[in-house]
Amino acid sequence: MKRFSFALILALMVAACGDDDSDFATRPSDDSSSSVCEDCDDASSSSVKSSSSGAKFSSSAKSSSSSAKSSSSSSAKSSSSSKQKSSSSVRGIPWKGPKEKYFNPDVNYGTVTDFRDGKIYRTVQIGDQTWMAENLNFEYKVKRDEGDTVSYGMCSTDNCEISGRYYTWAEAMDSAAVFSQNSAGCGFGHKCSIKNPARGICPEGWHIPTGTEWETLYKVVGERPHALQAKGFGDWSDLTREEWPESTDEFGFSTFPVGSYYGGDIIHLGNAYFWSATEYNGSIAYHWILGENQAYLTHSFVDKHAHFSVRCLKDESSVQQSSSSVASSSSTPEGYVDPSTVVTGTMTDERDGQTYKTITIGTQTWMAENLNYAYTGVPYKVDDCTSDSISWCYDNDSANCTKYGRLYTWAAAMDSVGTWSMNGKACGYDNSCSPTYPVRGVCPEGWHLPDSTEWERLFAVVGGKTTGGKELKSTSGWYNSNNGTDAYAFSALPIGYRYNTGFYGNQGHHALFWSSNSRNSYYAYNMILCSIGDDTYLNSFYKNHALSVRCVKDSE
């Protein structure tokens, strides 16, 4: 399995809360246009700027060697006379039609006709939602001031019917307002006001799904990625691994592993990427990833210039919500706990005598400070340097341990050597394990390392993922004074983290806390807060980087 290089991670660092090591990564482009559809520029290799090393991808999304290589001869180029892009110059996907052979014959599909071009798409109802069961294949055309008509939406002419087209976020959202004013001006470099449902480039009566709507779909199918993947493809990333089940497509969503478009080529085959209508900031929007043994919403490193697929959702099933998915002021999120009911206390770690503040929010009792236990005695080798510890003070300054607690590798957080419990034994980097929950890990007796479900429960009780971050963040220390209210006395401080190379970064920008759930041999899940935005969510990070630890009390 390929791994990110540290140099690339540094090259991709941004101030936004996408500075993690997971998933698909593209350096944000700095080009923009003064037109309304400012991100609808020609998607050729000449118009998408990147670092000298080009776009790189993590191990979670593999591309075929034949399709991942850039070729100046195969790049999509604009015609100097009409600026019309030639889709025939895009290197295609390896699968041949008819596409019907990839759909689930046991599912009763419906259909919808896009009267703009006469194309007919299969549809499927999953729970209360009605989705297109195919990727959109609409050629989005925008007139320039000088009278030229420019076409957007890239694909190979041989495979458009199978793959659909690939769109930038501005194209997907119809930022030029060709069909609707609900997302006018939404493109790269602009924080916009979206009125959901945002039709975008979907047919009339359909819209670009929000991040919440994607997550709703995933919950309905039981959070099983393979239930959404079309059968008949040998190209789902790492699907040959025996421990991962094969695609079932039991709901008829029929996702094809068509990857994405970049610089003249269709790349990253074996995965699927879909835009959402939820914006993170002026440069980044959320997207849905489906690949290997995972599916989740993220904004990762990818900015709005990326070219992803579009799945449309029927309006009748949409939930009216703001662009940030914030609950209306007249409603209370399910499970919400009034911050005035929080019970504060203390606990003492008998191993070293340190005393920590605690908070009880609803049914959970958390440490209100980061763990500061020195997990030592296990040699840890990075390159040519060996340490007697796998926990550190930020910048190797003991004063930072006193203020922020220590930073731990995932192996240390899980107590992989079994010092206090066997529940997380052998759980570390480059190693698959089956922990027994709850995992005490490095936590004091009677406490444990929270799993993903427990983090999700915390998000719910403080008001939800999209606003809860503000309630959990400390009232000082965050970059650009984007501090929180600390309404629940959780006091998350922006300590940043330690890279496996010994480099410390992002103090003031990020607070990241390990969970006891592993994504694969190299990544584990973590809770993340950042200086831009008030959302909080689970993402994944390299296990041999060092993050903070918050312990939660065992159930009594």
Protein backbone atom coordinates (compact mmCIF):
# COMPACT_ATOMS: atom_id res chain seq x y z
CA MET A 1 0.00 0.00 0.00
CA LYS A 2 1.39 3.39 -0.94
CA ARG A 3 1.93 6.03 1.70
CA PHE A 4 2.04 9.82 1.77
CA SER A 5 5.47 11.36 1.88
CA PHE A 6 6.09 13.91 4.60
CA ALA A 7 7.27 16.45 2.04
CA LEU A 8 3.96 16.17 0.24
CA ILE A 9 2.01 16.65 3.46
CA LEU A 10 3.86 19.90 4.07
CA ALA A 11 3.23 21.02 0.51
CA LEU A 12 -0.49 20.45 0.94
CA MET A 13 -0.89 22.14 4.33
CA VAL A 14 -3.61 24.76 4.42
CA ALA A 15 -5.12 26.75 7.24
CA ALA A 16 -8.52 25.17 6.67
CA CYS A 17 -9.61 22.13 8.62
CA GLY A 18 -8.59 19.88 5.76
CA ASP A 19 -5.05 19.50 6.99
CA ASP A 20 -5.12 15.80 7.59
CA ASP A 21 -3.40 12.83 6.05
CA SER A 22 -6.42 11.01 4.76
CA ASP A 23 -7.83 10.30 1.38
CA PHE A 24 -7.66 12.08 -1.94
CA ALA A 25 -5.35 15.10 -1.97
CA THR A 26 -4.85 17.85 -4.52
CA ARG A 27 -3.00 21.09 -4.00
CA PRO A 28 -5.50 23.97 -4.12
CA SER A 29 -5.24 26.01 -7.29
CA ASP A 30 -4.82 29.77 -7.06
CA ASP A 31 -6.39 30.62 -10.39
CA SER A 32 -9.77 32.30 -10.50
CA SER A 33 -11.88 34.25 -12.89
CA SER A 34 -13.91 37.41 -12.66
CA SER A 35 -16.89 35.79 -14.37
CA VAL A 36 -19.92 34.66 -12.41
CA CYS A 37 -19.00 31.06 -13.08
CA GLU A 38 -15.53 31.86 -11.84
CA ASP A 39 -14.57 28.24 -11.35
CA CYS A 40 -15.96 27.17 -14.71
CA ASP A 41 -12.69 27.69 -16.48
CA ASP A 42 -11.24 25.31 -19.02
CA ALA A 43 -10.35 22.13 -17.19
CA SER A 44 -7.22 21.43 -19.14
CA SER A 45 -3.83 20.76 -17.63
CA SER A 46 -2.87 24.30 -18.52
CA SER A 47 -5.65 25.86 -16.48
CA VAL A 48 -5.38 23.72 -13.35
CA LYS A 49 -2.33 24.72 -11.40
CA SER A 50 -0.51 22.29 -9.16
CA SER A 51 2.74 21.86 -7.34
CA SER A 52 5.79 20.69 -9.22
CA SER A 53 5.19 17.22 -7.92
CA GLY A 54 1.67 17.18 -9.31
CA ALA A 55 -1.36 15.72 -7.65
CA LYS A 56 -0.65 12.89 -5.24
CA PHE A 57 -2.98 10.47 -3.58
CA SER A 58 -2.90 8.45 -0.41
CA SER A 59 -3.13 4.71 -0.10
CA SER A 60 -6.90 4.83 0.27
CA ALA A 61 -7.48 5.53 -3.38
CA LYS A 62 -5.41 3.73 -5.97
CA SER A 63 -5.37 4.58 -9.61
CA SER A 64 -4.45 2.26 -12.42
CA SER A 65 -0.96 2.91 -13.63
CA SER A 66 -2.18 3.36 -17.15
CA SER A 67 -4.75 5.99 -16.28
CA ALA A 68 -2.86 7.96 -13.66
CA LYS A 69 -0.15 9.27 -15.95
CA SER A 70 -0.45 12.72 -17.44
CA SER A 71 0.10 13.08 -21.14
CA SER A 72 0.44 16.42 -22.84
CA SER A 73 -1.02 14.87 -25.93
CA SER A 74 -4.06 13.56 -24.08
CA SER A 75 -4.80 16.65 -22.01
CA ALA A 76 -8.07 18.38 -22.67
CA LYS A 77 -7.30 21.65 -24.44
CA SER A 78 -9.40 24.66 -25.23
CA SER A 79 -9.93 25.72 -28.77
CA SER A 80 -8.41 29.20 -29.19
CA SER A 81 -11.30 30.26 -31.39
CA SER A 82 -14.26 29.02 -29.39
CA LYS A 83 -12.80 27.82 -26.08
CA GLN A 84 -14.81 24.66 -26.60
CA LYS A 85 -13.21 21.75 -24.77
CA SER A 86 -12.73 18.50 -26.61
CA SER A 87 -13.93 15.63 -24.46
CA SER A 88 -12.55 13.15 -26.97
CA SER A 89 -9.02 14.00 -25.80
CA VAL A 90 -9.65 12.69 -22.30
CA ARG A 91 -8.16 9.33 -21.57
CA GLY A 92 -11.02 7.00 -20.70
CA ILE A 93 -11.92 4.27 -18.25
CA PRO A 94 -11.22 0.63 -19.12
CA TRP A 95 -14.76 -0.74 -18.88
CA LYS A 96 -17.08 -1.17 -21.82
CA GLY A 97 -20.86 -1.04 -22.02
CA PRO A 98 -23.62 -1.62 -22.13
CA LYS A 99 -23.93 -0.05 -18.69
CA GLU A 100 -27.09 -2.08 -18.03
CA LYS A 101 -25.00 -5.13 -17.22
CA TYR A 102 -23.68 -3.39 -14.09
CA PHE A 103 -27.08 -2.61 -12.52
CA ASN A 104 -28.76 -4.87 -9.98
CA PRO A 105 -31.36 -7.01 -11.83
CA ASP A 106 -33.24 -7.60 -8.56
CA VAL A 107 -33.99 -3.92 -7.96
CA ASN A 108 -37.12 -2.24 -9.32
CA TYR A 109 -35.63 0.96 -10.75
CA GLY A 110 -37.62 4.00 -11.78
CA THR A 111 -36.58 6.50 -14.45
CA VAL A 112 -36.33 10.25 -14.93
CA THR A 113 -35.88 12.09 -18.21
CA ASP A 114 -33.67 15.16 -18.34
CA PHE A 115 -35.64 17.23 -20.87
CA ARG A 116 -32.66 19.52 -21.47
CA ASP A 117 -30.92 16.86 -23.55
CA GLY A 118 -33.36 13.92 -23.55
CA LYS A 119 -31.17 11.59 -21.50
CA ILE A 120 -32.96 9.03 -19.35
CA TYR A 121 -31.55 8.00 -15.96
CA ARG A 122 -32.45 5.15 -13.65
CA THR A 123 -33.69 6.17 -10.20
CA VAL A 124 -34.01 4.28 -6.94
CA GLN A 125 -35.76 4.93 -3.64
CA ILE A 126 -33.69 4.23 -0.55
CA GLY A 127 -35.49 4.99 2.68
CA ASP A 128 -37.27 8.32 2.29
CA GLN A 129 -34.90 9.51 -0.43
CA THR A 130 -35.13 9.08 -4.20
CA TRP A 131 -31.75 9.14 -5.91
CA MET A 132 -30.49 8.93 -9.45
CA ALA A 133 -28.91 5.49 -9.77
CA GLU A 134 -26.47 6.84 -12.37
CA ASN A 135 -23.92 9.63 -12.49
CA LEU A 136 -25.07 12.79 -14.23
CA ASN A 137 -24.00 13.08 -17.87
CA PHE A 138 -25.16 16.59 -18.68
CA GLU A 139 -22.93 18.88 -20.73
CA TYR A 140 -23.05 22.19 -18.88
CA LYS A 141 -22.77 25.16 -21.24
CA VAL A 142 -22.19 28.79 -20.28
CA LYS A 143 -22.08 31.81 -22.56
CA ARG A 144 -19.15 34.17 -22.21
CA ASP A 145 -19.50 37.94 -22.47
CA GLU A 146 -17.78 37.84 -25.86
CA GLY A 147 -20.48 35.53 -27.19
CA ASP A 148 -18.63 32.22 -27.04
CA THR A 149 -20.37 29.19 -25.56
CA VAL A 150 -18.12 27.15 -23.29
CA SER A 151 -18.90 23.55 -22.42
CA TYR A 152 -18.08 22.03 -19.04
CA GLY A 153 -18.19 18.53 -17.63
CA MET A 154 -15.37 16.23 -18.66
CA CYS A 155 -15.53 12.60 -19.75
CA SER A 156 -14.30 10.31 -22.45
CA THR A 157 -16.58 10.15 -25.50
CA ASP A 158 -16.23 6.37 -25.41
CA ASN A 159 -17.38 6.07 -21.81
CA CYS A 160 -19.60 9.03 -20.97
CA GLU A 161 -22.62 6.77 -20.71
CA ILE A 162 -20.91 4.61 -18.12
CA SER A 163 -18.93 7.12 -16.09
CA GLY A 164 -21.08 10.21 -16.45
CA ARG A 165 -19.23 13.53 -16.46
CA TYR A 166 -16.79 15.06 -13.97
CA TYR A 167 -17.50 18.59 -12.72
CA THR A 168 -15.82 21.23 -10.61
CA TRP A 169 -17.89 22.37 -7.64
CA ALA A 170 -18.87 25.62 -9.40
CA GLU A 171 -20.08 23.64 -12.41
CA ALA A 172 -21.99 21.20 -10.23
CA MET A 173 -23.60 24.06 -8.30
CA ASP A 174 -24.50 26.03 -11.46
CA SER A 175 -22.63 29.08 -10.19
CA ALA A 176 -23.49 30.94 -13.41
CA ALA A 177 -27.20 30.57 -12.44
CA VAL A 178 -28.21 29.04 -15.76
CA PHE A 179 -31.00 27.00 -14.12
CA SER A 180 -31.49 28.45 -10.63
CA GLN A 181 -30.46 31.37 -8.45
CA ASN A 182 -30.12 29.18 -5.34
CA SER A 183 -26.35 28.82 -5.67
CA ALA A 184 -25.43 31.74 -7.93
CA GLY A 185 -21.79 32.74 -7.62
CA CYS A 186 -20.80 29.62 -5.70
CA GLY A 187 -17.32 28.75 -6.83
CA PHE A 188 -13.67 28.85 -5.87
CA GLY A 189 -12.64 31.83 -3.77
CA HIS A 190 -16.18 32.81 -2.77
CA LYS A 191 -18.07 31.97 0.43
CA CYS A 192 -21.61 31.99 -0.90
CA SER A 193 -25.14 31.94 0.44
CA ILE A 194 -26.76 28.72 -0.72
CA LYS A 195 -30.50 28.31 -0.62
CA ASN A 196 -31.18 24.60 -0.32
CA PRO A 197 -32.28 22.58 -2.13
CA ALA A 198 -29.66 23.79 -4.61
CA ARG A 199 -30.68 22.51 -8.04
CA GLY A 200 -27.22 23.04 -9.48
CA ILE A 201 -26.90 21.28 -12.84
CA CYS A 202 -29.45 18.61 -11.95
CA PRO A 203 -32.66 18.18 -13.97
CA GLU A 204 -35.71 20.15 -12.89
CA GLY A 205 -37.16 18.73 -9.67
CA TRP A 206 -33.78 17.38 -8.53
CA HIS A 207 -30.87 18.90 -6.61
CA ILE A 208 -27.27 18.51 -5.46
CA PRO A 209 -27.43 16.60 -2.15
CA THR A 210 -26.14 18.30 0.99
CA GLY A 211 -23.58 16.63 3.22
CA THR A 212 -26.35 15.73 5.65
CA GLU A 213 -28.33 14.03 2.88
CA TRP A 214 -25.32 11.93 1.93
CA GLU A 215 -24.92 10.89 5.55
CA THR A 216 -28.62 10.06 5.76
CA LEU A 217 -28.23 7.69 2.80
CA TYR A 218 -25.30 5.96 4.44
CA LYS A 219 -27.16 5.43 7.70
CA VAL A 220 -30.15 3.93 5.88
CA VAL A 221 -27.95 1.30 4.21
CA GLY A 222 -26.43 0.40 7.57
CA GLU A 223 -23.13 2.21 6.99
CA ARG A 224 -21.98 -0.52 4.63
CA PRO A 225 -20.04 0.85 1.66
CA HIS A 226 -20.32 -2.38 -0.34
CA ALA A 227 -24.12 -2.12 -0.29
CA LEU A 228 -23.76 0.97 -2.52
CA GLN A 229 -21.14 -0.40 -4.92
CA ALA A 230 -22.08 -1.87 -8.30
CA LYS A 231 -21.08 -5.45 -8.92
CA GLY A 232 -19.03 -6.60 -11.87
CA PHE A 233 -16.00 -4.36 -11.31
CA GLY A 234 -12.65 -5.78 -10.38
CA ASP A 235 -11.41 -2.25 -9.90
CA TRP A 236 -12.80 -1.25 -6.49
CA SER A 237 -9.68 -0.33 -4.53
CA ASP A 238 -8.16 -3.26 -2.70
CA LEU A 239 -11.34 -5.27 -3.16
CA THR A 240 -9.26 -8.37 -3.65
CA ARG A 241 -8.41 -8.38 0.06
CA GLU A 242 -10.04 -11.42 1.60
CA GLU A 243 -11.08 -9.64 4.79
CA TRP A 244 -13.24 -7.16 2.88
CA PRO A 245 -16.61 -8.27 1.49
CA GLU A 246 -17.43 -7.99 -2.18
CA SER A 247 -19.78 -5.38 -3.57
CA THR A 248 -23.47 -6.26 -3.24
CA ASP A 249 -25.33 -3.19 -4.60
CA GLU A 250 -28.33 -4.51 -2.73
CA PHE A 251 -30.07 -1.12 -2.72
CA GLY A 252 -29.50 -0.46 -6.42
CA PHE A 253 -27.46 2.71 -5.91
CA SER A 254 -25.01 1.18 -8.38
CA THR A 255 -21.92 3.29 -7.83
CA PHE A 256 -19.24 2.71 -10.45
CA PRO A 257 -15.57 3.13 -9.38
CA VAL A 258 -14.91 5.84 -11.99
CA GLY A 259 -12.42 7.92 -10.01
CA SER A 260 -12.08 11.58 -10.89
CA TYR A 261 -10.72 13.83 -13.61
CA TYR A 262 -7.41 15.68 -13.41
CA GLY A 263 -5.24 17.39 -15.98
CA GLY A 264 -6.45 15.54 -19.06
CA ASP A 265 -6.83 12.09 -17.55
CA ILE A 266 -9.42 10.13 -15.65
CA ILE A 267 -7.52 9.01 -12.58
CA HIS A 268 -7.90 7.27 -9.26
CA LEU A 269 -9.98 4.43 -10.69
CA GLY A 270 -11.28 2.09 -8.03
CA ASN A 271 -12.98 4.84 -6.03
CA ALA A 272 -15.92 7.19 -6.47
CA TYR A 273 -16.10 10.88 -5.51
CA PHE A 274 -19.31 12.92 -5.46
CA TRP A 275 -19.87 16.60 -4.76
CA SER A 276 -22.20 17.80 -2.03
CA ALA A 277 -23.93 21.19 -1.85
CA THR A 278 -22.38 21.87 1.56
CA GLU A 279 -19.61 24.44 1.52
CA TYR A 280 -16.73 24.47 3.99
CA ASN A 281 -15.26 27.84 3.08
CA GLY A 282 -14.55 29.92 -0.01
CA SER A 283 -12.05 27.42 -1.36
CA ILE A 284 -13.29 24.06 -0.14
CA ALA A 285 -16.56 22.14 -0.34
CA TYR A 286 -17.56 18.80 1.15
CA HIS A 287 -17.61 15.69 -1.00
CA TRP A 288 -18.62 12.08 -0.53
CA ILE A 289 -16.00 9.34 -0.92
CA LEU A 290 -16.83 5.71 -1.63
CA GLY A 291 -13.94 3.33 -1.99
CA GLU A 292 -12.32 0.18 -0.65
CA ASN A 293 -13.94 -0.57 2.74
CA GLN A 294 -15.14 2.93 3.53
CA ALA A 295 -17.59 5.69 2.73
CA TYR A 296 -17.70 9.09 4.37
CA LEU A 297 -18.14 12.84 3.97
CA THR A 298 -15.04 15.00 4.01
CA HIS A 299 -13.47 18.11 2.57
CA SER A 300 -9.97 16.65 2.96
CA PHE A 301 -7.31 18.53 0.96
CA VAL A 302 -9.48 18.85 -2.11
CA ASP A 303 -10.57 22.31 -3.19
CA LYS A 304 -13.43 23.32 -5.46
CA HIS A 305 -11.28 22.97 -8.59
CA ALA A 306 -11.37 19.17 -8.33
CA HIS A 307 -13.52 17.34 -10.90
CA PHE A 308 -15.90 14.84 -9.27
CA SER A 309 -19.07 12.99 -10.23
CA VAL A 310 -22.58 14.25 -9.48
CA ARG A 311 -25.53 12.24 -8.19
CA CYS A 312 -28.82 14.13 -8.02
CA LEU A 313 -31.46 13.75 -5.32
CA LYS A 314 -35.18 14.30 -5.86
CA ASP A 315 -36.57 17.48 -4.31
CA GLU A 316 -39.60 15.82 -2.77
CA SER A 317 -37.38 13.90 -0.39
CA SER A 318 -35.10 16.79 0.54
CA VAL A 319 -34.87 18.30 3.96
CA GLN A 320 -35.03 22.08 3.83
CA GLN A 321 -31.91 23.34 5.55
CA SER A 322 -29.32 26.08 5.39
CA SER A 323 -26.06 25.61 3.50
CA SER A 324 -24.30 24.75 6.74
CA SER A 325 -27.00 22.25 7.76
CA VAL A 326 -27.60 24.19 10.99
CA ALA A 327 -30.85 23.40 12.76
CA SER A 328 -33.30 26.28 12.80
CA SER A 329 -33.47 28.41 15.92
CA SER A 330 -36.98 27.17 16.62
CA SER A 331 -35.91 23.52 16.84
CA THR A 332 -33.66 21.57 19.19
CA PRO A 333 -31.30 18.91 17.76
CA GLU A 334 -32.15 15.38 18.83
CA GLY A 335 -30.24 14.43 21.99
CA TYR A 336 -29.17 18.00 22.72
CA VAL A 337 -28.06 18.65 26.32
CA ASP A 338 -28.43 22.09 27.86
CA PRO A 339 -24.92 23.29 28.83
CA SER A 340 -26.27 24.62 32.14
CA THR A 341 -26.81 21.02 33.23
CA VAL A 342 -23.14 20.02 32.86
CA VAL A 343 -21.63 18.63 36.08
CA THR A 344 -17.98 19.40 36.72
CA GLY A 345 -15.61 17.41 38.91
CA THR A 346 -12.09 16.05 39.17
CA MET A 347 -10.30 12.72 39.01
CA THR A 348 -6.77 11.62 39.94
CA ASP A 349 -4.58 9.33 37.88
CA GLU A 350 -3.07 7.05 40.53
CA ARG A 351 -0.17 6.14 38.24
CA ASP A 352 1.52 9.52 38.56
CA GLY A 353 -0.74 11.50 40.90
CA GLN A 354 -1.92 14.03 38.33
CA THR A 355 -5.40 15.46 38.85
CA TYR A 356 -7.69 16.30 35.92
CA LYS A 357 -10.90 18.29 35.62
CA THR A 358 -13.92 16.28 34.45
CA ILE A 359 -17.32 17.09 32.96
CA THR A 360 -20.52 15.09 32.77
CA ILE A 361 -22.60 15.90 29.69
CA GLY A 362 -25.77 13.87 29.56
CA THR A 363 -24.79 10.23 30.09
CA GLN A 364 -21.06 10.69 29.36
CA THR A 365 -18.31 11.79 31.72
CA TRP A 366 -15.21 13.14 29.99
CA MET A 367 -11.84 14.41 31.07
CA ALA A 368 -11.95 18.18 30.58
CA GLU A 369 -8.19 18.27 29.96
CA ASN A 370 -5.87 16.41 27.62
CA LEU A 371 -4.10 13.41 29.09
CA ASN A 372 -0.55 14.16 30.29
CA TYR A 373 0.67 10.71 31.25
CA ALA A 374 4.24 9.96 30.08
CA TYR A 375 3.94 6.69 28.23
CA THR A 376 7.58 5.55 28.18
CA GLY A 377 9.80 2.52 28.07
CA VAL A 378 8.89 1.35 24.55
CA PRO A 379 11.59 2.09 21.97
CA TYR A 380 10.19 4.04 19.05
CA LYS A 381 12.30 4.33 15.93
CA VAL A 382 11.75 6.97 13.24
CA ASP A 383 14.35 7.01 10.47
CA ASP A 384 17.69 6.93 12.36
CA CYS A 385 16.41 8.39 15.61
CA THR A 386 15.26 6.22 18.51
CA SER A 387 13.29 7.62 21.45
CA ASP A 388 12.45 6.02 24.80
CA SER A 389 8.95 7.41 24.55
CA ILE A 390 6.00 7.34 22.20
CA SER A 391 4.42 10.40 23.77
CA TRP A 392 5.74 13.92 23.48
CA CYS A 393 5.37 17.52 24.60
CA TYR A 394 4.68 19.90 21.70
CA ASP A 395 8.01 21.29 20.43
CA ASN A 396 9.67 19.09 23.09
CA ASP A 397 8.89 21.83 25.62
CA SER A 398 7.72 20.53 29.01
CA ALA A 399 5.69 23.71 29.55
CA ASN A 400 3.47 22.62 26.64
CA CYS A 401 2.79 19.30 28.38
CA THR A 402 1.60 21.20 31.44
CA LYS A 403 -0.71 23.37 29.36
CA TYR A 404 -1.82 21.05 26.55
CA GLY A 405 -1.10 17.50 27.71
CA ARG A 406 1.02 15.06 25.77
CA LEU A 407 0.81 13.84 22.16
CA TYR A 408 0.58 10.09 21.53
CA THR A 409 0.91 7.77 18.58
CA TRP A 410 -2.15 5.60 18.06
CA ALA A 411 -0.20 2.58 19.34
CA ALA A 412 0.56 4.45 22.57
CA ALA A 413 -3.02 5.70 22.89
CA MET A 414 -4.24 2.09 22.49
CA ASP A 415 -1.57 0.69 24.88
CA SER A 416 -0.53 -1.70 22.14
CA VAL A 417 1.99 -3.50 24.37
CA GLY A 418 -0.73 -4.41 26.88
CA THR A 419 0.69 -2.65 29.93
CA TRP A 420 -2.71 -2.09 31.58
CA SER A 421 -5.16 -4.00 29.42
CA MET A 422 -5.15 -6.59 26.67
CA ASN A 423 -8.10 -4.93 24.87
CA GLY A 424 -5.89 -2.91 22.52
CA LYS A 425 -2.85 -5.17 22.41
CA ALA A 426 -0.94 -5.24 19.10
CA CYS A 427 -2.95 -2.29 17.76
CA GLY A 428 -0.44 -0.07 16.04
CA TYR A 429 0.91 1.20 12.76
CA ASP A 430 1.11 -1.26 9.85
CA ASN A 431 -0.76 -3.86 11.82
CA SER A 432 -4.37 -5.02 11.74
CA CYS A 433 -5.97 -5.82 15.07
CA SER A 434 -9.34 -6.63 16.59
CA PRO A 435 -9.66 -4.65 19.83
CA THR A 436 -12.17 -5.50 22.52
CA TYR A 437 -14.26 -2.45 23.42
CA PRO A 438 -14.02 -0.43 25.51
CA VAL A 439 -10.26 -0.04 25.07
CA ARG A 440 -8.63 1.37 28.19
CA GLY A 441 -5.49 2.22 26.27
CA VAL A 442 -3.26 4.78 27.95
CA CYS A 443 -6.13 6.11 30.08
CA PRO A 444 -6.30 5.84 33.91
CA GLU A 445 -8.09 2.89 35.51
CA GLY A 446 -11.86 3.21 35.15
CA TRP A 447 -11.54 5.31 31.98
CA HIS A 448 -10.99 4.43 28.34
CA LEU A 449 -10.10 5.77 24.90
CA PRO A 450 -13.40 6.83 23.26
CA ASP A 451 -14.56 4.97 20.19
CA SER A 452 -16.13 6.67 17.18
CA THR A 453 -19.66 6.12 18.47
CA GLU A 454 -18.84 7.91 21.71
CA TRP A 455 -17.39 10.86 19.83
CA GLU A 456 -20.52 10.97 17.67
CA ARG A 457 -22.67 10.97 20.81
CA LEU A 458 -20.72 13.95 22.12
CA PHE A 459 -21.29 15.81 18.83
CA ALA A 460 -25.02 15.20 19.13
CA VAL A 461 -25.41 16.43 22.70
CA VAL A 462 -23.56 19.70 22.07
CA GLY A 463 -25.73 20.66 19.10
CA GLY A 464 -24.53 18.64 16.12
CA LYS A 465 -21.49 18.33 13.91
CA THR A 466 -21.85 21.62 12.05
CA THR A 467 -21.99 23.91 15.10
CA GLY A 468 -20.79 21.81 18.03
CA GLY A 469 -17.17 22.71 17.46
CA LYS A 470 -17.74 26.23 18.71
CA GLU A 471 -19.23 24.85 21.93
CA LEU A 472 -16.24 22.55 22.50
CA LYS A 473 -13.40 24.91 21.62
CA SER A 474 -11.59 26.91 24.29
CA THR A 475 -12.22 30.64 24.57
CA SER A 476 -8.66 31.56 23.62
CA GLY A 477 -5.64 30.35 21.66
CA TRP A 478 -7.28 29.74 18.28
CA TYR A 479 -5.81 31.31 15.17
CA ASN A 480 -7.28 34.62 14.01
CA SER A 481 -9.32 34.81 17.25
CA ASN A 482 -11.73 32.16 15.96
CA ASN A 483 -12.23 30.97 19.52
CA GLY A 484 -15.09 28.94 20.88
CA THR A 485 -17.61 29.56 23.64
CA ASP A 486 -16.51 26.53 25.67
CA ALA A 487 -20.13 26.28 26.75
CA TYR A 488 -19.67 22.72 28.06
CA ALA A 489 -16.26 23.30 29.70
CA PHE A 490 -14.69 20.73 27.36
CA SER A 491 -11.90 23.28 26.75
CA ALA A 492 -10.41 21.87 23.53
CA LEU A 493 -7.10 23.67 23.02
CA PRO A 494 -5.47 24.01 19.57
CA ILE A 495 -2.26 22.15 20.34
CA GLY A 496 -1.74 20.79 16.81
CA TYR A 497 0.15 17.50 16.44
CA ARG A 498 3.50 15.81 15.90
CA TYR A 499 4.42 14.23 12.57
CA ASN A 500 6.20 10.88 12.57
CA THR A 501 9.36 12.66 11.40
CA GLY A 502 9.57 14.71 14.60
CA PHE A 503 8.10 17.89 13.10
CA TYR A 504 5.44 19.71 15.16
CA GLY A 505 2.78 21.70 13.35
CA ASN A 506 -0.53 23.54 13.37
CA GLN A 507 -0.53 24.85 16.91
CA GLY A 508 -3.36 27.38 17.05
CA HIS A 509 -5.10 25.77 14.09
CA HIS A 510 -6.13 22.24 15.11
CA ALA A 511 -7.18 20.08 18.01
CA LEU A 512 -7.17 16.37 17.17
CA PHE A 513 -8.06 13.50 19.51
CA TRP A 514 -7.61 9.78 18.88
CA SER A 515 -10.49 7.31 18.83
CA SER A 516 -10.06 3.59 19.42
CA ASN A 517 -11.33 2.72 15.91
CA SER A 518 -8.96 1.81 13.12
CA ARG A 519 -9.73 2.53 9.46
CA ASN A 520 -7.07 0.18 8.15
CA SER A 521 -3.50 -0.87 8.94
CA TYR A 522 -2.14 2.64 8.52
CA TYR A 523 -4.98 4.98 9.55
CA ALA A 524 -7.10 5.37 12.66
CA TYR A 525 -10.06 7.66 13.24
CA ASN A 526 -9.82 10.87 15.20
CA MET A 527 -12.03 13.76 16.26
CA ILE A 528 -10.97 17.08 14.76
CA LEU A 529 -11.65 20.75 15.49
CA CYS A 530 -10.06 23.61 13.60
CA SER A 531 -9.66 27.36 13.59
CA ILE A 532 -11.75 27.85 10.45
CA GLY A 533 -15.37 26.90 10.97
CA ASP A 534 -17.34 25.61 13.91
CA ASP A 535 -17.91 22.06 12.73
CA THR A 536 -16.56 18.95 14.39
CA TYR A 537 -16.29 15.52 12.82
CA LEU A 538 -14.41 12.26 12.59
CA ASN A 539 -11.58 11.92 10.12
CA SER A 540 -8.58 9.63 9.88
CA PHE A 541 -4.90 10.16 10.46
CA TYR A 542 -1.67 8.18 10.14
CA LYS A 543 -1.28 6.01 13.21
CA ASN A 544 2.35 6.92 13.71
CA HIS A 545 1.68 10.65 13.99
CA ALA A 546 1.01 11.88 17.53
CA LEU A 547 -2.29 13.44 18.61
CA SER A 548 -3.98 14.37 21.87
CA VAL A 549 -5.97 11.97 24.04
CA ARG A 550 -9.21 12.63 25.92
CA CYS A 551 -10.48 9.80 28.11
CA VAL A 552 -14.12 8.99 28.81
CA LYS A 553 -15.32 7.26 31.96
CA ASP A 554 -16.37 3.61 31.84
CA SER A 555 -20.08 2.95 32.12
CA GLU A 556 -21.12 2.01 35.63
